[in-house]
Amino acid sequence: QVQLVEFGGGLVQPGGSLRLSCAASGLALPLEHIAIGWFRQAPGKEREGVSCISSADGSSDGSTSYADSVKGRFTITRDKAKNLVYLQMNSLKPEDTAVYYCATDGGTYCSGNTYYTPLAYGQGTQVTVSS
């Protein structure tokens, strides 16, 4: 059974930074071989796909994508040695406040399924941006 866990959330002032991490267990292969996405959900709002990184293999080649709302501020990366996926969040705004989840549909490419019909996602980590 695939399980994902997120950590690294917290309270930060506007303009500050946080780095979220995503770890996995129960996978037949290291994390680098599947697409991993981050989505967020704020109270009363719909789920929003934030960022995704495709498999590091073959034609997918670790390509990344970002929601317009975070482009230029957030960066998704992999640490192959530690088998982690990171979401570096800079220039945080109050509207970034949400529970952040990492997710996968088990595929190698990013798609809407990565966020909206995932095979697995974690329990989430709270990010609060407030002065």
Foldseek 3Di string as FASTA:
>chain_A
DKEKAKDWADEAAQQAKIKMKMAMPDDPDQLLQAKKWKWWDDPPDDIGTAKIFFHCDDPSNGDMDGDPVQPPFWDWDADRVVSMIMIIGGSDDQVVWTWMKMFGQRHRHDDPCRRPVGPYIHPTDTHGYHD
